[in-house]
Amino acid sequence: MQYKRILLKLSGEALMGERQYGIDPKRLAEYAKEIKQVVEKGIEVAIVIGGGNIFRGVAGAANGMDRVQGDHMGMLATCINGLALQSALEDENVHTRLQTALEIKEVAEPYIKRKAIRHLEKGRVVIFGAGTGNPYFTTDTAAVLRAIEIDADAILKGTRVNGIYNTDPEKDKNAVKFETITFKDVIAKGLKVMDMTAFTLSEENNLPIIVFDMNTNGNLLKLVSGEKIGTIVDNL
């Protein structure tokens, strides 16, 4: 296997499937099966999910809501998604723990680094909810932060496109895909991979980001097995 421990970053929108809002049970089940394949190969898997399918703090602030209040609502949305994914994984007999940066002890463990690492070592999938627990920080930043804390080998950002392109491939049929690209080139070309706080944190800690199509069956397993799937962003 190419990696021993990974952090999988999924957007909340990814859980919508073909819906306009909320969670698509079919898509959730597909993701659970993909993750199970990787776990069965002995890969330690941690996951961070966004909450955009339910609520976005930025959108709330744009409509006049207090930004801090909106961000806290967004954090709770990530916990809802985390619970949904946990249930889907357990339906596949994958042992899972949900840890949250906000304490919700009735439904999840509080985030404790050493406990998270111990769960991973025992083969459990650990889902991190509630972002960093702080307003003004995205789940991208939470993903990078948690990946650094648990000493993950890479961040795997699952999207609906199969990598990073010079222009939007959904709008431009002549868009060119990058197989590999450096952090500096991403910034110089103005490409959107993660928000700048997350991206800089990843660059400074030499943590590679791999952007790939999570919606194609088998891609996650191929990626961790060493196949060239998606686009690798690193310092090399």
C-alpha atoms as a PDB file:
ATOM      1  CA  MET A   1       0.000   0.000   0.000  1.00  0.00           C
ATOM      2  CA  GLN A   2       1.175   3.521  -0.834  1.00  0.00           C
ATOM      3  CA  TYR A   3      -0.035   4.970   2.474  1.00  0.00           C
ATOM      4  CA  LYS A   4      -0.373   3.650   6.021  1.00  0.00           C
ATOM      5  CA  ARG A   5      -2.586   6.394   7.464  1.00  0.00           C
ATOM      6  CA  ILE A   6      -4.735   8.803   5.471  1.00  0.00           C
ATOM      7  CA  LEU A   7      -7.159  11.612   6.135  1.00  0.00           C
ATOM      8  CA  LEU A   8     -10.082  11.616   3.718  1.00  0.00           C
ATOM      9  CA  LYS A   9     -11.718  15.017   3.219  1.00  0.00           C
ATOM     10  CA  LEU A  10     -15.264  14.990   1.882  1.00  0.00           C
ATOM     11  CA  SER A  11     -17.482  17.987   1.221  1.00  0.00           C
ATOM     12  CA  GLY A  12     -20.961  18.083   2.657  1.00  0.00           C
ATOM     13  CA  GLU A  13     -22.271  18.613  -0.865  1.00  0.00           C
ATOM     14  CA  ALA A  14     -20.796  15.253  -1.862  1.00  0.00           C
ATOM     15  CA  LEU A  15     -23.336  13.540   0.398  1.00  0.00           C
ATOM     16  CA  MET A  16     -26.251  15.110  -1.491  1.00  0.00           C
ATOM     17  CA  GLY A  17     -25.818  12.814  -4.480  1.00  0.00           C
ATOM     18  CA  GLU A  18     -28.431  13.860  -7.020  1.00  0.00           C
ATOM     19  CA  ARG A  19     -30.430  15.764  -4.426  1.00  0.00           C
ATOM     20  CA  GLN A  20     -30.513  19.519  -3.957  1.00  0.00           C
ATOM     21  CA  TYR A  21     -30.241  19.361  -0.184  1.00  0.00           C
ATOM     22  CA  GLY A  22     -29.522  16.997   2.702  1.00  0.00           C
ATOM     23  CA  ILE A  23     -28.145  13.463   2.527  1.00  0.00           C
ATOM     24  CA  ASP A  24     -28.617  10.848  -0.197  1.00  0.00           C
ATOM     25  CA  PRO A  25     -28.639   7.383   1.509  1.00  0.00           C
ATOM     26  CA  LYS A  26     -27.477   5.749  -1.730  1.00  0.00           C
ATOM     27  CA  ARG A  27     -24.410   7.986  -2.016  1.00  0.00           C
ATOM     28  CA  LEU A  28     -23.670   7.483   1.682  1.00  0.00           C
ATOM     29  CA  ALA A  29     -23.779   3.702   1.266  1.00  0.00           C
ATOM     30  CA  GLU A  30     -21.474   3.907  -1.779  1.00  0.00           C
ATOM     31  CA  TYR A  31     -18.912   5.913   0.196  1.00  0.00           C
ATOM     32  CA  ALA A  32     -19.100   3.455   3.096  1.00  0.00           C
ATOM     33  CA  LYS A  33     -18.330   0.561   0.748  1.00  0.00           C
ATOM     34  CA  GLU A  34     -15.378   2.468  -0.761  1.00  0.00           C
ATOM     35  CA  ILE A  35     -13.952   3.208   2.686  1.00  0.00           C
ATOM     36  CA  LYS A  36     -14.460  -0.387   3.809  1.00  0.00           C
ATOM     37  CA  GLN A  37     -12.326  -1.662   0.919  1.00  0.00           C
ATOM     38  CA  VAL A  38      -9.449   0.514   2.092  1.00  0.00           C
ATOM     39  CA  VAL A  39      -9.830  -0.434   5.759  1.00  0.00           C
ATOM     40  CA  GLU A  40      -9.744  -4.125   4.825  1.00  0.00           C
ATOM     41  CA  LYS A  41      -6.316  -3.529   3.258  1.00  0.00           C
ATOM     42  CA  GLY A  42      -4.998  -2.380   6.633  1.00  0.00           C
ATOM     43  CA  ILE A  43      -5.021   1.352   5.889  1.00  0.00           C
ATOM     44  CA  GLU A  44      -5.778   3.583   8.885  1.00  0.00           C
ATOM     45  CA  VAL A  45      -8.536   6.013   7.862  1.00  0.00           C
ATOM     46  CA  ALA A  46      -9.590   9.314   9.420  1.00  0.00           C
ATOM     47  CA  ILE A  47     -12.334  11.434   7.841  1.00  0.00           C
ATOM     48  CA  VAL A  48     -13.414  15.078   7.920  1.00  0.00           C
ATOM     49  CA  ILE A  49     -16.750  16.014   6.303  1.00  0.00           C
ATOM     50  CA  GLY A  50     -18.067  19.480   5.547  1.00  0.00           C
ATOM     51  CA  GLY A  51     -21.585  20.616   6.353  1.00  0.00           C
ATOM     52  CA  GLY A  52     -22.519  22.572   3.222  1.00  0.00           C
ATOM     53  CA  ASN A  53     -25.338  20.183   2.342  1.00  0.00           C
ATOM     54  CA  ILE A  54     -27.136  21.371   5.487  1.00  0.00           C
ATOM     55  CA  PHE A  55     -25.827  24.827   6.435  1.00  0.00           C
ATOM     56  CA  ARG A  56     -22.962  27.192   5.649  1.00  0.00           C
ATOM     57  CA  GLY A  57     -21.920  29.865   8.130  1.00  0.00           C
ATOM     58  CA  VAL A  58     -20.689  32.143   5.336  1.00  0.00           C
ATOM     59  CA  ALA A  59     -24.057  31.937   3.580  1.00  0.00           C
ATOM     60  CA  GLY A  60     -25.843  32.688   6.828  1.00  0.00           C
ATOM     61  CA  ALA A  61     -23.641  35.722   7.437  1.00  0.00           C
ATOM     62  CA  ALA A  62     -24.339  36.953   3.901  1.00  0.00           C
ATOM     63  CA  ASN A  63     -28.043  36.967   4.788  1.00  0.00           C
ATOM     64  CA  GLY A  64     -27.531  39.044   7.906  1.00  0.00           C
ATOM     65  CA  MET A  65     -26.897  36.336  10.500  1.00  0.00           C
ATOM     66  CA  ASP A  66     -24.092  36.745  13.018  1.00  0.00           C
ATOM     67  CA  ARG A  67     -21.054  34.979  11.504  1.00  0.00           C
ATOM     68  CA  VAL A  68     -20.019  33.270  14.732  1.00  0.00           C
ATOM     69  CA  GLN A  69     -23.541  31.939  15.251  1.00  0.00           C
ATOM     70  CA  GLY A  70     -23.681  30.782  11.652  1.00  0.00           C
ATOM     71  CA  ASP A  71     -20.339  29.000  11.898  1.00  0.00           C
ATOM     72  CA  HIS A  72     -21.467  27.168  15.017  1.00  0.00           C
ATOM     73  CA  MET A  73     -24.550  26.014  13.101  1.00  0.00           C
ATOM     74  CA  GLY A  74     -22.230  24.818  10.326  1.00  0.00           C
ATOM     75  CA  MET A  75     -20.165  22.869  12.863  1.00  0.00           C
ATOM     76  CA  LEU A  76     -23.299  21.104  14.085  1.00  0.00           C
ATOM     77  CA  ALA A  77     -24.143  20.280  10.457  1.00  0.00           C
ATOM     78  CA  THR A  78     -20.798  18.457  10.137  1.00  0.00           C
ATOM     79  CA  CYS A  79     -21.707  16.418  13.220  1.00  0.00           C
ATOM     80  CA  ILE A  80     -24.993  15.389  11.581  1.00  0.00           C
ATOM     81  CA  ASN A  81     -23.065  14.271   8.494  1.00  0.00           C
ATOM     82  CA  GLY A  82     -20.548  12.484  10.703  1.00  0.00           C
ATOM     83  CA  LEU A  83     -23.308  10.550  12.458  1.00  0.00           C
ATOM     84  CA  ALA A  84     -24.830   9.612   9.099  1.00  0.00           C
ATOM     85  CA  LEU A  85     -21.498   8.324   7.758  1.00  0.00           C
ATOM     86  CA  GLN A  86     -20.806   6.491  11.001  1.00  0.00           C
ATOM     87  CA  SER A  87     -24.139   4.690  10.678  1.00  0.00           C
ATOM     88  CA  ALA A  88     -23.437   3.784   7.030  1.00  0.00           C
ATOM     89  CA  LEU A  89     -19.987   2.423   7.920  1.00  0.00           C
ATOM     90  CA  GLU A  90     -21.353   0.384  10.794  1.00  0.00           C
ATOM     91  CA  ASP A  91     -23.921  -1.095   8.399  1.00  0.00           C
ATOM     92  CA  GLU A  92     -20.851  -2.378   6.518  1.00  0.00           C
ATOM     93  CA  ASN A  93     -19.416  -3.773   9.797  1.00  0.00           C
ATOM     94  CA  VAL A  94     -16.658  -1.164   9.917  1.00  0.00           C
ATOM     95  CA  HIS A  95     -15.792  -0.137  13.482  1.00  0.00           C
ATOM     96  CA  THR A  96     -16.075   3.634  13.705  1.00  0.00           C
ATOM     97  CA  ARG A  97     -15.652   6.458  16.210  1.00  0.00           C
ATOM     98  CA  LEU A  98     -16.994   9.997  15.880  1.00  0.00           C
ATOM     99  CA  GLN A  99     -14.941  12.647  17.679  1.00  0.00           C
ATOM    100  CA  THR A 100     -16.084  16.246  17.805  1.00  0.00           C
ATOM    101  CA  ALA A 101     -14.348  19.542  18.564  1.00  0.00           C
ATOM    102  CA  LEU A 102     -17.548  20.672  20.317  1.00  0.00           C
ATOM    103  CA  GLU A 103     -18.532  18.464  23.228  1.00  0.00           C
ATOM    104  CA  ILE A 104     -21.680  16.446  22.483  1.00  0.00           C
ATOM    105  CA  LYS A 105     -20.945  13.584  24.857  1.00  0.00           C
ATOM    106  CA  GLU A 106     -24.289  11.834  24.366  1.00  0.00           C
ATOM    107  CA  VAL A 107     -23.541  11.068  20.697  1.00  0.00           C
ATOM    108  CA  ALA A 108     -19.777  11.456  20.182  1.00  0.00           C
ATOM    109  CA  GLU A 109     -16.427  11.447  21.927  1.00  0.00           C
ATOM    110  CA  PRO A 110     -14.635  14.757  22.491  1.00  0.00           C
ATOM    111  CA  TYR A 111     -11.600  15.114  20.225  1.00  0.00           C
ATOM    112  CA  ILE A 112      -8.466  13.853  21.984  1.00  0.00           C
ATOM    113  CA  LYS A 113      -5.409  13.371  19.800  1.00  0.00           C
ATOM    114  CA  ARG A 114      -3.977  10.332  21.601  1.00  0.00           C
ATOM    115  CA  LYS A 115      -7.353   8.630  21.736  1.00  0.00           C
ATOM    116  CA  ALA A 116      -7.890   9.244  18.010  1.00  0.00           C
ATOM    117  CA  ILE A 117      -4.497   7.724  17.185  1.00  0.00           C
ATOM    118  CA  ARG A 118      -5.222   4.717  19.392  1.00  0.00           C
ATOM    119  CA  HIS A 119      -8.524   4.129  17.581  1.00  0.00           C
ATOM    120  CA  LEU A 120      -6.710   4.277  14.243  1.00  0.00           C
ATOM    121  CA  GLU A 121      -4.070   1.817  15.429  1.00  0.00           C
ATOM    122  CA  LYS A 122      -6.864  -0.583  16.376  1.00  0.00           C
ATOM    123  CA  GLY A 123      -8.281  -0.393  12.856  1.00  0.00           C
ATOM    124  CA  ARG A 124     -11.218   1.871  13.613  1.00  0.00           C
ATOM    125  CA  VAL A 125     -12.252   4.636  11.246  1.00  0.00           C
ATOM    126  CA  VAL A 126     -12.233   7.975  13.070  1.00  0.00           C
ATOM    127  CA  ILE A 127     -14.582  10.728  11.873  1.00  0.00           C
ATOM    128  CA  PHE A 128     -13.749  14.239  13.057  1.00  0.00           C
ATOM    129  CA  GLY A 129     -16.781  16.514  13.413  1.00  0.00           C
ATOM    130  CA  ALA A 130     -17.392  20.186  14.283  1.00  0.00           C
ATOM    131  CA  GLY A 131     -14.369  21.438  12.353  1.00  0.00           C
ATOM    132  CA  THR A 132     -11.709  22.954  14.604  1.00  0.00           C
ATOM    133  CA  GLY A 133     -14.358  24.045  17.107  1.00  0.00           C
ATOM    134  CA  ASN A 134     -13.672  27.668  16.228  1.00  0.00           C
ATOM    135  CA  PRO A 135     -15.611  30.099  14.005  1.00  0.00           C
ATOM    136  CA  TYR A 136     -13.969  31.559  10.874  1.00  0.00           C
ATOM    137  CA  PHE A 137     -12.131  28.302  10.130  1.00  0.00           C
ATOM    138  CA  THR A 138     -13.321  25.954   7.387  1.00  0.00           C
ATOM    139  CA  THR A 139     -13.478  22.184   7.417  1.00  0.00           C
ATOM    140  CA  ASP A 140     -10.560  22.280   4.945  1.00  0.00           C
ATOM    141  CA  THR A 141      -8.465  23.828   7.712  1.00  0.00           C
ATOM    142  CA  ALA A 142      -9.830  21.271  10.187  1.00  0.00           C
ATOM    143  CA  ALA A 143      -8.839  18.462   7.811  1.00  0.00           C
ATOM    144  CA  VAL A 144      -5.253  19.694   7.494  1.00  0.00           C
ATOM    145  CA  LEU A 145      -4.957  20.349  11.222  1.00  0.00           C
ATOM    146  CA  ARG A 146      -6.218  16.909  12.182  1.00  0.00           C
ATOM    147  CA  ALA A 147      -4.058  15.242   9.520  1.00  0.00           C
ATOM    148  CA  ILE A 148      -0.967  16.916  10.974  1.00  0.00           C
ATOM    149  CA  GLU A 149      -1.953  16.031  14.537  1.00  0.00           C
ATOM    150  CA  ILE A 150      -2.491  12.330  13.786  1.00  0.00           C
ATOM    151  CA  ASP A 151       0.605  12.207  11.547  1.00  0.00           C
ATOM    152  CA  ALA A 152      -1.285  11.175   8.406  1.00  0.00           C
ATOM    153  CA  ASP A 153       0.744  10.407   5.280  1.00  0.00           C
ATOM    154  CA  ALA A 154      -1.526  12.472   3.028  1.00  0.00           C
ATOM    155  CA  ILE A 155      -4.831  14.278   2.709  1.00  0.00           C
ATOM    156  CA  LEU A 156      -7.109  12.710   0.115  1.00  0.00           C
ATOM    157  CA  LYS A 157      -9.660  15.269  -1.026  1.00  0.00           C
ATOM    158  CA  GLY A 158     -12.581  13.477  -2.642  1.00  0.00           C
ATOM    159  CA  THR A 159     -14.444  15.583  -5.206  1.00  0.00           C
ATOM    160  CA  ARG A 160     -16.629  15.052  -8.260  1.00  0.00           C
ATOM    161  CA  VAL A 161     -13.767  15.818 -10.685  1.00  0.00           C
ATOM    162  CA  ASN A 162     -10.727  13.620 -11.236  1.00  0.00           C
ATOM    163  CA  GLY A 163      -8.037  16.110 -10.298  1.00  0.00           C
ATOM    164  CA  ILE A 164      -6.893  19.708 -10.623  1.00  0.00           C
ATOM    165  CA  TYR A 165      -7.227  21.465 -13.987  1.00  0.00           C
ATOM    166  CA  ASN A 166      -5.982  24.790 -15.325  1.00  0.00           C
ATOM    167  CA  THR A 167      -9.635  25.829 -15.786  1.00  0.00           C
ATOM    168  CA  ASP A 168     -12.978  24.423 -14.648  1.00  0.00           C
ATOM    169  CA  PRO A 169     -13.354  21.111 -16.566  1.00  0.00           C
ATOM    170  CA  GLU A 170     -17.133  21.229 -16.110  1.00  0.00           C
ATOM    171  CA  LYS A 171     -17.242  24.482 -18.078  1.00  0.00           C
ATOM    172  CA  ASP A 172     -14.224  24.175 -20.396  1.00  0.00           C
ATOM    173  CA  LYS A 173     -13.855  20.982 -22.467  1.00  0.00           C
ATOM    174  CA  ASN A 174     -10.255  22.004 -23.297  1.00  0.00           C
ATOM    175  CA  ALA A 175      -9.201  22.166 -19.649  1.00  0.00           C
ATOM    176  CA  VAL A 176      -5.819  20.529 -18.984  1.00  0.00           C
ATOM    177  CA  LYS A 177      -5.321  18.262 -15.990  1.00  0.00           C
ATOM    178  CA  PHE A 178      -2.196  18.399 -13.802  1.00  0.00           C
ATOM    179  CA  GLU A 179      -0.812  15.002 -12.750  1.00  0.00           C
ATOM    180  CA  THR A 180       1.376  16.662 -10.117  1.00  0.00           C
ATOM    181  CA  ILE A 181       1.784  20.298  -9.102  1.00  0.00           C
ATOM    182  CA  THR A 182       3.641  22.146  -6.351  1.00  0.00           C
ATOM    183  CA  PHE A 183       2.012  24.263  -3.680  1.00  0.00           C
ATOM    184  CA  LYS A 184       3.761  27.330  -5.088  1.00  0.00           C
ATOM    185  CA  ASP A 185       2.447  26.688  -8.610  1.00  0.00           C
ATOM    186  CA  VAL A 186      -1.114  26.291  -7.336  1.00  0.00           C
ATOM    187  CA  ILE A 187      -0.856  29.709  -5.690  1.00  0.00           C
ATOM    188  CA  ALA A 188       0.858  31.293  -8.716  1.00  0.00           C
ATOM    189  CA  LYS A 189      -1.799  29.974 -11.098  1.00  0.00           C
ATOM    190  CA  GLY A 190      -4.654  30.976  -8.793  1.00  0.00           C
ATOM    191  CA  LEU A 191      -6.096  27.452  -8.667  1.00  0.00           C
ATOM    192  CA  LYS A 192      -8.682  26.595  -6.047  1.00  0.00           C
ATOM    193  CA  VAL A 193      -7.751  23.466  -4.097  1.00  0.00           C
ATOM    194  CA  MET A 194      -8.460  24.428  -0.489  1.00  0.00           C
ATOM    195  CA  ASP A 195      -8.890  27.721   1.307  1.00  0.00           C
ATOM    196  CA  MET A 196      -5.609  29.584   1.808  1.00  0.00           C
ATOM    197  CA  THR A 197      -5.322  28.946   5.555  1.00  0.00           C
ATOM    198  CA  ALA A 198      -5.598  25.190   5.043  1.00  0.00           C
ATOM    199  CA  PHE A 199      -3.382  25.220   1.985  1.00  0.00           C
ATOM    200  CA  THR A 200      -0.582  27.173   3.690  1.00  0.00           C
ATOM    201  CA  LEU A 201      -0.729  24.914   6.745  1.00  0.00           C
ATOM    202  CA  SER A 202      -0.369  21.872   4.509  1.00  0.00           C
ATOM    203  CA  GLU A 203       2.541  23.418   2.604  1.00  0.00           C
ATOM    204  CA  GLU A 204       4.423  24.388   5.755  1.00  0.00           C
ATOM    205  CA  ASN A 205       4.117  20.879   7.164  1.00  0.00           C
ATOM    206  CA  ASN A 206       5.025  19.071   3.912  1.00  0.00           C
ATOM    207  CA  LEU A 207       1.677  17.295   3.896  1.00  0.00           C
ATOM    208  CA  PRO A 208       0.708  16.262   0.353  1.00  0.00           C
ATOM    209  CA  ILE A 209      -2.847  16.814  -0.871  1.00  0.00           C
ATOM    210  CA  ILE A 210      -4.315  14.461  -3.457  1.00  0.00           C
ATOM    211  CA  VAL A 211      -7.439  15.654  -5.266  1.00  0.00           C
ATOM    212  CA  PHE A 212      -9.389  12.811  -6.882  1.00  0.00           C
ATOM    213  CA  ASP A 213     -12.838  11.705  -8.039  1.00  0.00           C
ATOM    214  CA  MET A 214     -14.494   9.989  -5.091  1.00  0.00           C
ATOM    215  CA  ASN A 215     -17.633   9.214  -7.069  1.00  0.00           C
ATOM    216  CA  THR A 216     -15.963   6.628  -9.328  1.00  0.00           C
ATOM    217  CA  ASN A 217     -16.128   3.187  -7.747  1.00  0.00           C
ATOM    218  CA  GLY A 218     -12.738   1.790  -6.769  1.00  0.00           C
ATOM    219  CA  ASN A 219     -10.812   5.066  -7.058  1.00  0.00           C
ATOM    220  CA  LEU A 220     -10.049   5.337  -3.348  1.00  0.00           C
ATOM    221  CA  LEU A 221      -8.604   1.835  -3.198  1.00  0.00           C
ATOM    222  CA  LYS A 222      -6.600   2.370  -6.401  1.00  0.00           C
ATOM    223  CA  LEU A 223      -5.172   5.594  -5.010  1.00  0.00           C
ATOM    224  CA  VAL A 224      -3.953   4.110  -1.717  1.00  0.00           C
ATOM    225  CA  SER A 225      -2.619   1.119  -3.669  1.00  0.00           C
ATOM    226  CA  GLY A 226      -0.247   3.414  -5.563  1.00  0.00           C
ATOM    227  CA  GLU A 227      -2.074   3.935  -8.860  1.00  0.00           C
ATOM    228  CA  LYS A 228      -1.896   7.409 -10.370  1.00  0.00           C
ATOM    229  CA  ILE A 229      -5.351   8.699  -9.588  1.00  0.00           C
ATOM    230  CA  GLY A 230      -6.153  12.423  -9.444  1.00  0.00           C
ATOM    231  CA  THR A 231      -3.604  15.205  -8.893  1.00  0.00           C
ATOM    232  CA  ILE A 232      -0.871  15.296  -6.235  1.00  0.00           C
ATOM    233  CA  VAL A 233       0.026  18.651  -4.655  1.00  0.00           C
ATOM    234  CA  ASP A 234       3.298  18.700  -2.737  1.00  0.00           C
ATOM    235  CA  ASN A 235       6.530  20.627  -2.218  1.00  0.00           C
ATOM    236  CA  LEU A 236       8.636  18.607  -4.662  1.00  0.00           C
END
